[in-house]
C-alpha atoms as a PDB file:
ATOM      1  CA  MET A   1      21.004 131.056-101.858  1.00  0.00           C
ATOM      2  CA  PHE A   2      19.642 133.916-104.275  1.00  0.00           C
ATOM      3  CA  GLY A   3      16.332 135.814-103.369  1.00  0.00           C
ATOM      4  CA  LEU A   4      14.321 133.254-102.007  1.00  0.00           C
ATOM      5  CA  PHE A   5      11.979 135.721-100.123  1.00  0.00           C
ATOM      6  CA  ILE A   6      11.600 137.298-103.369  1.00  0.00           C
ATOM      7  CA  PRO A   7       7.868 137.724-103.833  1.00  0.00           C
ATOM      8  CA  GLN A   8       5.500 135.245-105.751  1.00  0.00           C
ATOM      9  CA  ILE A   9       3.309 136.190-108.794  1.00  0.00           C
ATOM     10  CA  THR A  10       0.145 134.973-109.119  1.00  0.00           C
ATOM     11  CA  GLN A  11      -0.811 134.689-112.742  1.00  0.00           C
ATOM     12  CA  ALA A  12      -4.051 133.386-113.753  1.00  0.00           C
ATOM     13  CA  GLN A  13      -2.605 129.566-113.909  1.00  0.00           C
ATOM     14  CA  GLY A  14      -0.250 128.736-111.420  1.00  0.00           C
ATOM     15  CA  THR A  15       2.677 131.204-109.734  1.00  0.00           C
ATOM     16  CA  THR A  16       5.371 131.975-111.615  1.00  0.00           C
ATOM     17  CA  TYR A  17       7.942 130.358-108.720  1.00  0.00           C
ATOM     18  CA  VAL A  18      11.234 131.336-110.919  1.00  0.00           C
ATOM     19  CA  SER A  19      12.117 134.397-112.930  1.00  0.00           C
ATOM     20  CA  ASN A  20      14.909 136.694-113.703  1.00  0.00           C
ATOM     21  CA  LEU A  21      12.952 138.027-116.524  1.00  0.00           C
ATOM     22  CA  SER A  22      13.060 141.690-115.004  1.00  0.00           C
ATOM     23  CA  ASP A  23      16.847 141.579-114.793  1.00  0.00           C
ATOM     24  CA  PRO A  24      18.430 143.964-117.654  1.00  0.00           C
ATOM     25  CA  SER A  25      20.429 141.651-120.856  1.00  0.00           C
ATOM     26  CA  THR A  26      23.779 141.455-121.221  1.00  0.00           C
ATOM     27  CA  GLY A  27      23.657 139.617-124.380  1.00  0.00           C
ATOM     28  CA  SER A  28      23.090 136.108-125.781  1.00  0.00           C
ATOM     29  CA  SER A  29      23.371 132.596-126.590  1.00  0.00           C
ATOM     30  CA  PRO A  30      23.020 131.348-130.139  1.00  0.00           C
ATOM     31  CA  VAL A  31      20.860 128.350-130.485  1.00  0.00           C
ATOM     32  CA  GLY A  32      20.417 125.626-133.077  1.00  0.00           C
ATOM     33  CA  SER A  33      20.735 121.904-133.807  1.00  0.00           C
ATOM     34  CA  ASP A  34      24.604 121.947-132.858  1.00  0.00           C
ATOM     35  CA  SER A  35      24.001 124.189-130.408  1.00  0.00           C
ATOM     36  CA  TRP A  36      22.262 123.981-127.401  1.00  0.00           C
ATOM     37  CA  PHE A  37      21.404 125.056-123.945  1.00  0.00           C
ATOM     38  CA  ALA A  38      19.986 124.726-120.929  1.00  0.00           C
ATOM     39  CA  ALA A  39      18.993 126.196-117.414  1.00  0.00           C
ATOM     40  CA  ASP A  40      18.547 124.108-114.407  1.00  0.00           C
ATOM     41  CA  PHE A  41      15.912 124.970-111.322  1.00  0.00           C
ATOM     42  CA  ILE A  42      14.841 122.948-108.109  1.00  0.00           C
ATOM     43  CA  THR A  43      11.453 122.875-106.863  1.00  0.00           C
ATOM     44  CA  GLY A  44      10.806 123.290-103.355  1.00  0.00           C
ATOM     45  CA  THR A  45       8.840 121.029-100.821  1.00  0.00           C
ATOM     46  CA  ASN A  46       5.568 120.481-101.366  1.00  0.00           C
ATOM     47  CA  ALA A  47       5.185 116.761-100.694  1.00  0.00           C
ATOM     48  CA  SER A  48       2.572 116.434-103.261  1.00  0.00           C
ATOM     49  CA  GLY A  49       4.775 118.505-106.236  1.00  0.00           C
ATOM     50  CA  TYR A  50       4.008 120.243-108.340  1.00  0.00           C
ATOM     51  CA  VAL A  51       2.055 120.865-111.897  1.00  0.00           C
ATOM     52  CA  LEU A  52       4.504 122.773-114.545  1.00  0.00           C
ATOM     53  CA  ASN A  53       2.072 125.312-116.209  1.00  0.00           C
ATOM     54  CA  SER A  54       4.212 127.291-118.936  1.00  0.00           C
ATOM     55  CA  VAL A  55       7.503 128.770-119.163  1.00  0.00           C
ATOM     56  CA  GLN A  56       8.258 132.106-120.422  1.00  0.00           C
ATOM     57  CA  LEU A  57      11.400 132.887-122.108  1.00  0.00           C
ATOM     58  CA  ALA A  58      13.290 136.098-123.177  1.00  0.00           C
ATOM     59  CA  MET A  59      14.629 135.940-126.926  1.00  0.00           C
ATOM     60  CA  MET A  60      16.464 137.993-129.043  1.00  0.00           C
ATOM     61  CA  ASP A  61      16.276 139.203-132.869  1.00  0.00           C
ATOM     62  CA  ALA A  62      17.405 136.091-134.309  1.00  0.00           C
ATOM     63  CA  SER A  63      19.884 135.402-137.559  1.00  0.00           C
ATOM     64  CA  GLY A  64      20.231 134.242-141.049  1.00  0.00           C
ATOM     65  CA  SER A  65      17.787 131.780-141.382  1.00  0.00           C
ATOM     66  CA  PRO A  66      16.715 128.992-138.487  1.00  0.00           C
ATOM     67  CA  SER A  67      14.083 127.100-138.023  1.00  0.00           C
ATOM     68  CA  GLY A  68      12.791 124.246-135.503  1.00  0.00           C
ATOM     69  CA  PHE A  69      13.147 126.206-132.011  1.00  0.00           C
ATOM     70  CA  ARG A  70      11.963 123.608-129.144  1.00  0.00           C
ATOM     71  CA  VAL A  71      11.592 123.725-125.345  1.00  0.00           C
ATOM     72  CA  MET A  72      11.995 120.718-123.665  1.00  0.00           C
ATOM     73  CA  LEU A  73      12.353 119.961-120.091  1.00  0.00           C
ATOM     74  CA  TYR A  74      15.371 117.125-118.845  1.00  0.00           C
ATOM     75  CA  SER A  75      15.840 115.665-115.562  1.00  0.00           C
ATOM     76  CA  ASP A  76      18.912 116.155-114.281  1.00  0.00           C
ATOM     77  CA  VAL A  77      21.497 113.081-113.555  1.00  0.00           C
ATOM     78  CA  ILE A  78      25.223 113.333-111.917  1.00  0.00           C
ATOM     79  CA  PHE A  79      27.803 113.027-114.634  1.00  0.00           C
ATOM     80  CA  GLY A  80      31.243 113.139-113.234  1.00  0.00           C
ATOM     81  CA  CYS A  81      32.043 116.517-110.627  1.00  0.00           C
ATOM     82  CA  GLY A  82      28.222 117.709-112.033  1.00  0.00           C
ATOM     83  CA  ASP A  83      25.071 117.358-112.984  1.00  0.00           C
ATOM     84  CA  ILE A  84      23.173 117.911-116.414  1.00  0.00           C
ATOM     85  CA  PRO A  85      20.297 116.824-118.605  1.00  0.00           C
ATOM     86  CA  GLY A  86      19.314 113.415-118.190  1.00  0.00           C
ATOM     87  CA  ASN A  87      16.260 112.182-120.233  1.00  0.00           C
ATOM     88  CA  SER A  88      13.542 114.595-121.924  1.00  0.00           C
ATOM     89  CA  LEU A  89      10.724 114.544-120.092  1.00  0.00           C
ATOM     90  CA  GLY A  90       8.633 116.450-123.321  1.00  0.00           C
ATOM     91  CA  THR A  91       7.940 119.229-125.840  1.00  0.00           C
ATOM     92  CA  LEU A  92       6.429 122.024-124.582  1.00  0.00           C
ATOM     93  CA  SER A  93       3.835 124.337-127.200  1.00  0.00           C
ATOM     94  CA  GLY A  94       4.629 127.488-128.597  1.00  0.00           C
ATOM     95  CA  SER A  95       6.440 128.963-130.636  1.00  0.00           C
ATOM     96  CA  THR A  96       8.556 127.208-133.632  1.00  0.00           C
ATOM     97  CA  ASP A  97      10.309 130.943-134.792  1.00  0.00           C
ATOM     98  CA  PRO A  98      11.065 133.144-131.837  1.00  0.00           C
ATOM     99  CA  SER A  99      12.634 135.155-134.420  1.00  0.00           C
ATOM    100  CA  THR A 100      12.231 138.604-133.375  1.00  0.00           C
ATOM    101  CA  ALA A 101      13.778 140.401-130.647  1.00  0.00           C
ATOM    102  CA  ASN A 102      10.266 139.603-127.217  1.00  0.00           C
ATOM    103  CA  THR A 103       8.816 137.486-124.541  1.00  0.00           C
ATOM    104  CA  TYR A 104       7.483 134.172-125.572  1.00  0.00           C
ATOM    105  CA  THR A 105       5.408 131.204-123.618  1.00  0.00           C
ATOM    106  CA  TYR A 106       5.166 127.214-124.029  1.00  0.00           C
ATOM    107  CA  THR A 107       2.424 125.691-121.844  1.00  0.00           C
ATOM    108  CA  ASP A 108       3.180 122.342-121.082  1.00  0.00           C
ATOM    109  CA  ASP A 109       0.072 120.269-122.680  1.00  0.00           C
ATOM    110  CA  SER A 110       0.545 118.037-120.576  1.00  0.00           C
ATOM    111  CA  ASP A 111       1.070 118.704-117.265  1.00  0.00           C
ATOM    112  CA  THR A 112       4.309 117.080-116.611  1.00  0.00           C
ATOM    113  CA  THR A 113       3.922 116.558-112.859  1.00  0.00           C
ATOM    114  CA  LEU A 114       7.057 118.091-110.959  1.00  0.00           C
ATOM    115  CA  SER A 115       8.511 116.457-107.932  1.00  0.00           C
ATOM    116  CA  PRO A 116       9.638 118.066-105.160  1.00  0.00           C
ATOM    117  CA  ASN A 117      13.588 118.805-103.952  1.00  0.00           C
ATOM    118  CA  THR A 118      14.086 117.843-107.646  1.00  0.00           C
ATOM    119  CA  VAL A 119      16.359 119.003-110.285  1.00  0.00           C
ATOM    120  CA  TYR A 120      14.658 119.986-113.935  1.00  0.00           C
ATOM    121  CA  TYR A 121      16.316 121.455-116.693  1.00  0.00           C
ATOM    122  CA  ILE A 122      15.032 123.637-119.593  1.00  0.00           C
ATOM    123  CA  VAL A 123      16.209 123.515-122.631  1.00  0.00           C
ATOM    124  CA  LEU A 124      16.853 124.480-125.879  1.00  0.00           C
ATOM    125  CA  THR A 125      17.964 123.720-129.503  1.00  0.00           C
ATOM    126  CA  ALA A 126      16.551 123.582-133.253  1.00  0.00           C
ATOM    127  CA  GLY A 127      16.360 121.754-136.459  1.00  0.00           C
ATOM    128  CA  THR A 128      19.092 123.944-138.502  1.00  0.00           C
ATOM    129  CA  ALA A 129      22.631 125.014-137.326  1.00  0.00           C
ATOM    130  CA  VAL A 130      23.897 128.111-136.170  1.00  0.00           C
ATOM    131  CA  ALA A 131      25.381 128.018-139.834  1.00  0.00           C
ATOM    132  CA  ASN A 132      22.225 128.734-141.067  1.00  0.00           C
ATOM    133  CA  GLY A 133      21.675 131.841-138.372  1.00  0.00           C
ATOM    134  CA  PRO A 134      20.778 130.655-135.303  1.00  0.00           C
ATOM    135  CA  TYR A 135      18.150 132.270-132.106  1.00  0.00           C
ATOM    136  CA  GLU A 136      19.347 133.856-130.033  1.00  0.00           C
ATOM    137  CA  TRP A 137      18.445 133.072-126.301  1.00  0.00           C
ATOM    138  CA  SER A 138      18.794 136.852-124.311  1.00  0.00           C
ATOM    139  CA  VAL A 139      21.682 136.322-120.909  1.00  0.00           C
ATOM    140  CA  THR A 140      21.991 138.174-117.653  1.00  0.00           C
ATOM    141  CA  SER A 141      24.948 138.199-115.299  1.00  0.00           C
ATOM    142  CA  THR A 142      22.181 137.206-113.039  1.00  0.00           C
ATOM    143  CA  PRO A 143      20.628 133.866-111.336  1.00  0.00           C
ATOM    144  CA  SER A 144      16.926 133.667-110.999  1.00  0.00           C
ATOM    145  CA  PRO A 145      15.967 132.536-107.617  1.00  0.00           C
ATOM    146  CA  GLY A 146      14.963 129.102-108.775  1.00  0.00           C
ATOM    147  CA  TYR A 147      18.512 128.396-109.830  1.00  0.00           C
ATOM    148  CA  SER A 148      20.036 124.928-108.282  1.00  0.00           C
ATOM    149  CA  SER A 149      23.369 126.516-106.601  1.00  0.00           C
ATOM    150  CA  TYR A 150      25.232 123.332-105.751  1.00  0.00           C
ATOM    151  CA  HIS A 151      26.419 122.391-109.765  1.00  0.00           C
ATOM    152  CA  TRP A 152      29.865 121.568-110.909  1.00  0.00           C
ATOM    153  CA  GLY A 153      31.833 121.857-107.304  1.00  0.00           C
ATOM    154  CA  GLY A 154      29.244 124.898-106.563  1.00  0.00           C
ATOM    155  CA  GLU A 155      28.228 126.563-109.338  1.00  0.00           C
ATOM    156  CA  VAL A 156      25.042 127.639-111.268  1.00  0.00           C
ATOM    157  CA  ALA A 157      24.338 125.535-113.949  1.00  0.00           C
ATOM    158  CA  PHE A 158      23.742 127.627-116.923  1.00  0.00           C
ATOM    159  CA  LEU A 159      24.937 124.641-120.084  1.00  0.00           C
ATOM    160  CA  HIS A 160      25.444 124.113-123.106  1.00  0.00           C
ATOM    161  CA  SER A 161      26.257 121.497-125.569  1.00  0.00           C
ATOM    162  CA  SER A 162      27.006 120.703-129.240  1.00  0.00           C
ATOM    163  CA  ASN A 163      24.985 117.171-129.505  1.00  0.00           C
ATOM    164  CA  GLY A 164      22.589 117.267-126.446  1.00  0.00           C
ATOM    165  CA  SER A 165      24.850 114.642-124.734  1.00  0.00           C
ATOM    166  CA  SER A 166      28.609 115.972-123.429  1.00  0.00           C
ATOM    167  CA  TRP A 167      27.455 119.426-121.843  1.00  0.00           C
ATOM    168  CA  ASN A 168      30.083 122.312-120.099  1.00  0.00           C
ATOM    169  CA  ASN A 169      29.433 124.573-118.036  1.00  0.00           C
ATOM    170  CA  ILE A 170      29.291 128.652-118.861  1.00  0.00           C
ATOM    171  CA  ASP A 171      30.522 130.721-115.413  1.00  0.00           C
ATOM    172  CA  GLY A 172      29.012 133.387-114.862  1.00  0.00           C
ATOM    173  CA  THR A 173      26.431 133.770-117.520  1.00  0.00           C
ATOM    174  CA  TYR A 174      22.229 132.556-116.821  1.00  0.00           C
ATOM    175  CA  GLY A 175      20.008 132.616-120.392  1.00  0.00           C
ATOM    176  CA  GLN A 176      16.907 134.428-118.897  1.00  0.00           C
ATOM    177  CA  PHE A 177      13.771 133.123-118.153  1.00  0.00           C
ATOM    178  CA  ALA A 178      10.370 132.564-115.678  1.00  0.00           C
ATOM    179  CA  LEU A 179       8.183 129.484-114.584  1.00  0.00           C
ATOM    180  CA  THR A 180       4.453 128.801-113.482  1.00  0.00           C
ATOM    181  CA  ALA A 181       3.766 125.826-111.896  1.00  0.00           C
ATOM    182  CA  THR A 182       0.957 124.835-109.591  1.00  0.00           C
ATOM    183  CA  ALA A 183       1.573 123.337-106.249  1.00  0.00           C
ATOM    184  CA  ILE A 184      -0.562 119.908-105.984  1.00  0.00           C
ATOM    185  CA  PRO A 185      -2.365 119.805-102.273  1.00  0.00           C
ATOM    186  CA  GLU A 186      -1.756 117.079-100.441  1.00  0.00           C
ATOM    187  CA  PRO A 187      -4.148 114.690-100.124  1.00  0.00           C
ATOM    188  CA  GLY A 188      -7.607 115.989 -97.261  1.00  0.00           C
ATOM    189  CA  VAL A 189      -5.570 119.730 -96.875  1.00  0.00           C
ATOM    190  CA  SER A 190      -6.975 121.779-100.095  1.00  0.00           C
ATOM    191  CA  GLY A 191      -7.940 124.028 -98.137  1.00  0.00           C
ATOM    192  CA  LEU A 192      -3.914 124.711 -97.755  1.00  0.00           C
ATOM    193  CA  LEU A 193      -3.571 125.777-101.302  1.00  0.00           C
ATOM    194  CA  GLY A 194      -2.549 129.012-100.827  1.00  0.00           C
ATOM    195  CA  LEU A 195      -0.443 128.003 -97.377  1.00  0.00           C
ATOM    196  CA  SER A 196       1.234 124.766 -99.934  1.00  0.00           C
ATOM    197  CA  GLY A 197       2.179 127.099-102.171  1.00  0.00           C
ATOM    198  CA  LEU A 198       4.781 128.948 -99.709  1.00  0.00           C
ATOM    199  CA  GLY A 199       6.474 125.115-100.704  1.00  0.00           C
ATOM    200  CA  PHE A 200       7.587 126.374-103.731  1.00  0.00           C
ATOM    201  CA  LEU A 201      10.742 128.819-101.975  1.00  0.00           C
ATOM    202  CA  TRP A 202      13.497 126.992-104.308  1.00  0.00           C
ATOM    203  CA  HIS A 203      16.469 125.555-102.300  1.00  0.00           C
ATOM    204  CA  ARG A 204      19.190 123.153-101.500  1.00  0.00           C
ATOM    205  CA  ARG A 205      18.508 120.631-100.132  1.00  0.00           C
ATOM    206  CA  LYS A 206      20.299 118.935 -97.327  1.00  0.00           C
ATOM    207  CA  ALA A 207      21.451 115.727 -98.825  1.00  0.00           C
ATOM    208  CA  LYS A 208      22.027 117.894-102.732  1.00  0.00           C
ATOM    209  CA  ALA A 209      24.647 120.941-100.294  1.00  0.00           C
ATOM    210  CA  VAL A 210      26.430 117.773 -98.653  1.00  0.00           C
ATOM    211  CA  TYR A 211      27.036 115.941-101.636  1.00  0.00           C
ATOM    212  CA  GLY A 212      27.715 119.882-103.568  1.00  0.00           C
ATOM    213  CA  LEU A 213      30.578 120.276-100.314  1.00  0.00           C
ATOM    214  CA  ALA A 214      32.172 116.426-101.218  1.00  0.00           C
ATOM    215  CA  LEU A 215      31.959 116.877-104.990  1.00  0.00           C
ATOM    216  CA  THR A 216      34.193 120.197-104.666  1.00  0.00           C
ATOM    217  CA  PHE A 217      36.568 118.390-102.320  1.00  0.00           C
ATOM    218  CA  ILE A 218      36.645 115.512-104.772  1.00  0.00           C
ATOM    219  CA  CYS A 219      37.386 117.210-108.009  1.00  0.00           C
ATOM    220  CA  SER A 220      39.795 119.515-106.644  1.00  0.00           C
ATOM    221  CA  LEU A 221      42.219 116.653-105.826  1.00  0.00           C
END
C-alpha cells in the first residue's frame, strides 16, 4: 500500500483523496492523438459512493503546435493478464491547450458518481499527433496513495496507448495528478458526512488482492 494514512486535504468543494503533485518530477510523457496515457485509481468504502469534483494535472511545457487536449474519466475492464481503461464516462472541463508548465484543474460538470471499491482511470489524449508537437504530462517515480496496486500482476498501472484501445503498462513511472471528490452521505446518516469521508482511504479490496495473486501466478505460467 502507498501511504494510505497520509492526511487528506479538504478543499472548498470536496476532499483531495489522491495526489502525488508534491513529489519531484522525473520528466514527462508526450500526449497526442497517437499517444494516450492513463493513470488508475481505486475508490474507498463509502457505501453510497463519491461525487467526482475535479482533477488537477501537472503539465510541463509543450513543444511544436499541439491542440485539442482532453482529459477523460474511464471505467475499468479486465483484459488478458491485466486491467485497462474500458468505456469513457465523460470528458472533464478545463483548458484544451495546457502548453505552459503549470498545474491545471479539470472539473466534472456532470457530477459523476464514483462507485465504492471500484477502479477508474484518468485518460489523456489530444487532437493532434505527437509529430506536430506533444503536450507533456509531468511524471514522477512515486505513485500516489490512490493508485491501484493489483494491476498487471501486482504492478501499479500507468498505461500508454497509440490508439486509445490497446494499452501497455509503463513500469516505475506515474503521471502526476490530484483528485478531489465528495463522499455521498448514506441515507439517514447525513450528520456523519465528515466521518464517512474517512472511508475514502484508498486500498485494495480483498477480492481484488486475491485476484491479483491469482493473476500473477497465471501470467507467470
